[in-house]
Amino acid sequence: AQDRPDIQYAVTEAARSMAGPKQLDTWRTKRILRYLRHHPTLEWVFELSQMPDALSIATDADWGGDTRTRRSTSGTVVQLGHCPLTTYSRTQGSVSLSSAEAEYMSLVGAAQEGLMVKSVLLKLGYTIRVEIQSDAQAAVSAAEKRGILRFKHLSIRWLFLKELTERKEIVLRKVASAANVSDMLTKPVDAATLQRNLVGMACFM
């Protein structure tokens, strides 16, 4: 699933039960195989006529999606123009107390990924800003406002996003859920939705 964002979430879920798979896990794995039978390949397309002004990052999170640990899943797509650079679907390192907190942690992970890519581009001679898109207004507002608000219980490492937004190193944008291409990396969706999200990124064939 390293270079197949359309199955990253499904593979992550299937991998949770590798130590002791049950009948449901076998059914999930068969669904992945059936999908791959109909969509055996995925071609990444890299076409840039000119360097864009911003690195575009779409991020999303579920809340307590792992029924065993109640941890949430973060999904992120990093794009340069319409070219995908990296995607991931990851279980968060701690339990979130609200959906806004899960989305906020997803924003933090996206910011870290964006700064990494920005530093690589800087070494190549390109100065570019980082723009993160999320469909969670509460998380975006919490990151942009001064103070720690209701996040008093969070460890310091999660609050560095506030400094980045204050210094304008990271720009946060609210987008509609339907326009968030990272949605497929955080929850189960049908094959038609997967293909629509890939087409929405305009970078896969």
Protein backbone atom coordinates (compact mmCIF):
# COMPACT_ATOMS: atom_id res chain seq x y z
CA ALA A 1 0.00 0.00 0.00
CA GLN A 2 3.03 2.31 0.07
CA ASP A 3 2.21 3.78 -3.36
CA ARG A 4 -1.52 2.97 -3.44
CA PRO A 5 -3.43 5.66 -1.48
CA ASP A 6 -6.72 4.06 -2.49
CA ILE A 7 -6.02 1.00 -0.30
CA GLN A 8 -3.85 2.50 2.45
CA TYR A 9 -6.66 2.74 4.98
CA ALA A 10 -7.97 -0.76 4.23
CA VAL A 11 -4.51 -2.29 4.53
CA THR A 12 -3.88 -0.42 7.79
CA GLU A 13 -7.08 -1.86 9.24
CA ALA A 14 -6.27 -5.38 8.02
CA ALA A 15 -2.75 -5.19 9.48
CA ARG A 16 -4.10 -4.53 12.98
CA SER A 17 -5.21 -8.16 13.30
CA MET A 18 -2.24 -9.95 11.77
CA ALA A 19 -1.31 -11.53 15.11
CA GLY A 20 -4.72 -13.14 15.57
CA PRO A 21 -6.96 -12.85 12.51
CA LYS A 22 -10.63 -13.76 12.75
CA GLN A 23 -13.28 -14.49 10.13
CA LEU A 24 -14.12 -10.79 9.77
CA ASP A 25 -10.46 -10.03 9.02
CA THR A 26 -10.44 -12.67 6.28
CA TRP A 27 -13.54 -11.05 4.77
CA ARG A 28 -11.86 -7.62 4.85
CA THR A 29 -8.75 -8.99 3.14
CA LYS A 30 -10.85 -10.62 0.43
CA ARG A 31 -12.56 -7.29 -0.23
CA ILE A 32 -9.15 -5.67 -0.73
CA LEU A 33 -8.18 -8.41 -3.17
CA ARG A 34 -11.44 -8.07 -5.09
CA TYR A 35 -10.86 -4.33 -5.41
CA LEU A 36 -7.29 -4.92 -6.66
CA ARG A 37 -8.57 -7.41 -9.21
CA HIS A 38 -10.68 -4.67 -10.80
CA HIS A 39 -8.07 -1.93 -10.22
CA PRO A 40 -4.72 -3.76 -10.44
CA THR A 41 -2.51 -0.73 -11.12
CA LEU A 42 -2.34 2.94 -10.20
CA GLU A 43 -0.13 5.30 -12.15
CA TRP A 44 1.23 8.44 -10.48
CA VAL A 45 1.34 11.39 -12.87
CA PHE A 46 3.85 14.21 -12.31
CA GLU A 47 3.26 17.18 -14.62
CA LEU A 48 4.24 20.74 -13.69
CA SER A 49 4.33 23.57 -16.22
CA GLN A 50 5.58 25.91 -13.50
CA MET A 51 6.32 25.80 -9.78
CA PRO A 52 3.11 26.55 -7.79
CA ASP A 53 3.00 29.19 -5.07
CA ALA A 54 2.03 26.78 -2.31
CA LEU A 55 2.41 23.22 -1.18
CA SER A 56 -1.17 21.95 -0.82
CA ILE A 57 -1.89 19.47 1.99
CA ALA A 58 -5.29 17.88 2.59
CA THR A 59 -5.79 16.22 5.96
CA ASP A 60 -8.63 14.49 7.76
CA ALA A 61 -9.23 12.30 10.81
CA ASP A 62 -11.87 9.99 12.16
CA TRP A 63 -12.59 9.87 15.89
CA GLY A 64 -11.97 6.68 17.83
CA GLY A 65 -12.09 4.54 14.71
CA ASP A 66 -10.00 1.76 16.24
CA THR A 67 -12.63 -0.12 18.26
CA ARG A 68 -9.97 -1.89 20.34
CA THR A 69 -7.87 1.10 21.50
CA ARG A 70 -10.32 3.90 20.57
CA ARG A 71 -7.50 5.78 18.88
CA SER A 72 -8.22 7.88 15.82
CA THR A 73 -6.78 7.63 12.31
CA SER A 74 -5.13 10.52 10.48
CA GLY A 75 -5.04 10.70 6.69
CA THR A 76 -2.95 13.19 4.71
CA VAL A 77 -2.27 13.93 1.04
CA VAL A 78 0.65 16.25 0.15
CA GLN A 79 0.48 17.78 -3.33
CA LEU A 80 2.68 20.14 -5.33
CA GLY A 81 0.19 21.63 -7.74
CA HIS A 82 -1.77 18.56 -8.87
CA CYS A 83 1.20 16.26 -8.34
CA PRO A 84 1.01 13.96 -5.30
CA LEU A 85 4.24 13.76 -3.33
CA THR A 86 3.21 11.61 -0.40
CA THR A 87 0.11 10.14 1.25
CA TYR A 88 -0.40 8.28 4.51
CA SER A 89 -3.02 6.73 6.75
CA ARG A 90 -1.79 6.44 10.36
CA THR A 91 -3.20 5.61 13.77
CA GLN A 92 -2.70 8.51 16.17
CA GLY A 93 -0.38 8.00 19.10
CA SER A 94 -2.93 8.82 21.82
CA VAL A 95 -6.67 8.74 22.46
CA SER A 96 -8.50 11.95 21.53
CA LEU A 97 -11.23 13.26 23.81
CA SER A 98 -13.25 14.83 20.99
CA SER A 99 -13.49 14.86 17.21
CA ALA A 100 -12.01 18.38 17.20
CA GLU A 101 -8.98 17.10 19.09
CA ALA A 102 -8.53 14.22 16.65
CA GLU A 103 -8.70 16.67 13.73
CA TYR A 104 -6.25 19.00 15.48
CA MET A 105 -3.73 16.19 15.90
CA SER A 106 -4.18 15.42 12.22
CA LEU A 107 -3.35 19.05 11.43
CA VAL A 108 -0.19 18.79 13.51
CA GLY A 109 0.93 15.69 11.60
CA ALA A 110 0.18 17.43 8.29
CA ALA A 111 2.21 20.46 9.38
CA GLN A 112 5.19 18.25 10.20
CA GLU A 113 4.96 16.57 6.80
CA GLY A 114 4.63 19.93 5.07
CA LEU A 115 7.69 21.42 6.79
CA MET A 116 9.73 18.38 5.79
CA VAL A 117 8.78 18.73 2.11
CA LYS A 118 9.28 22.51 2.29
CA SER A 119 12.83 22.04 3.60
CA VAL A 120 13.63 19.64 0.72
CA LEU A 121 12.31 22.14 -1.83
CA LEU A 122 14.32 24.91 -0.16
CA LYS A 123 17.50 22.90 -0.63
CA LEU A 124 16.58 22.61 -4.33
CA GLY A 125 16.26 26.40 -4.54
CA TYR A 126 12.47 26.79 -4.29
CA THR A 127 10.80 28.94 -1.64
CA ILE A 128 7.19 27.92 -1.17
CA ARG A 129 4.51 28.38 1.45
CA VAL A 130 2.58 25.55 3.10
CA GLU A 131 -1.21 25.51 2.93
CA ILE A 132 -3.18 22.89 4.87
CA GLN A 133 -6.82 22.12 4.05
CA SER A 134 -9.18 20.58 6.58
CA ASP A 135 -12.94 20.12 6.81
CA ALA A 136 -12.88 20.62 10.61
CA GLN A 137 -13.67 24.24 11.47
CA ALA A 138 -13.20 23.66 15.21
CA ALA A 139 -9.66 22.33 14.74
CA VAL A 140 -8.70 25.13 12.33
CA SER A 141 -10.05 27.77 14.73
CA ALA A 142 -8.25 26.20 17.69
CA ALA A 143 -4.94 26.31 15.80
CA GLU A 144 -5.36 29.94 14.73
CA LYS A 145 -6.57 31.44 18.01
CA ARG A 146 -4.25 32.56 20.77
CA GLY A 147 -4.06 30.51 23.95
CA ILE A 148 -4.58 26.81 24.50
CA LEU A 149 -8.39 27.03 24.82
CA ARG A 150 -9.76 23.59 25.75
CA PHE A 151 -6.50 21.80 24.98
CA LYS A 152 -5.01 22.29 28.44
CA HIS A 153 -4.48 18.55 28.78
CA LEU A 154 -2.43 18.23 25.58
CA SER A 155 1.32 17.82 25.80
CA ILE A 156 3.50 20.68 24.59
CA ARG A 157 4.50 18.95 21.35
CA TRP A 158 0.95 19.27 20.01
CA LEU A 159 0.87 23.05 20.53
CA PHE A 160 3.72 23.95 18.19
CA LEU A 161 1.14 24.28 15.40
CA LYS A 162 -0.12 27.46 17.06
CA GLU A 163 3.34 29.01 16.78
CA LEU A 164 3.55 28.06 13.11
CA THR A 165 0.21 29.71 12.32
CA GLU A 166 1.09 32.83 14.33
CA ARG A 167 4.36 33.18 12.38
CA LYS A 168 2.44 32.56 9.11
CA GLU A 169 4.68 29.59 8.29
CA ILE A 170 1.53 27.49 7.93
CA VAL A 171 -1.73 28.69 6.36
CA LEU A 172 -4.88 26.77 7.30
CA ARG A 173 -7.91 26.56 5.02
CA LYS A 174 -11.40 25.22 5.74
CA VAL A 175 -12.78 23.08 2.92
CA ALA A 176 -16.02 21.17 2.49
CA SER A 177 -15.96 17.50 3.46
CA ALA A 178 -16.88 16.48 -0.08
CA ALA A 179 -13.80 18.33 -1.40
CA ASN A 180 -11.38 16.77 1.07
CA VAL A 181 -9.46 14.12 -0.89
CA SER A 182 -7.85 12.73 2.29
CA ASP A 183 -11.25 11.43 3.46
CA MET A 184 -10.52 8.05 1.85
CA LEU A 185 -7.49 7.62 4.15
CA THR A 186 -9.46 7.71 7.40
CA LYS A 187 -12.61 5.64 6.94
CA PRO A 188 -14.07 2.83 4.81
CA VAL A 189 -15.51 4.02 1.51
CA ASP A 190 -16.84 2.19 -1.54
CA ALA A 191 -14.91 1.69 -4.78
CA ALA A 192 -16.81 4.46 -6.59
CA THR A 193 -15.91 6.99 -3.89
CA LEU A 194 -12.28 5.87 -3.96
CA GLN A 195 -12.07 6.41 -7.69
CA ARG A 196 -13.82 9.78 -7.41
CA ASN A 197 -11.33 10.95 -4.78
CA LEU A 198 -8.41 9.87 -6.97
CA VAL A 199 -9.88 11.72 -9.92
CA GLY A 200 -10.40 14.73 -7.64
CA MET A 201 -6.68 14.81 -7.02
CA ALA A 202 -6.25 14.88 -10.83
CA CYS A 203 -2.94 13.07 -10.57
CA PHE A 204 -3.63 9.34 -10.85
CA MET A 205 -4.45 7.15 -13.82
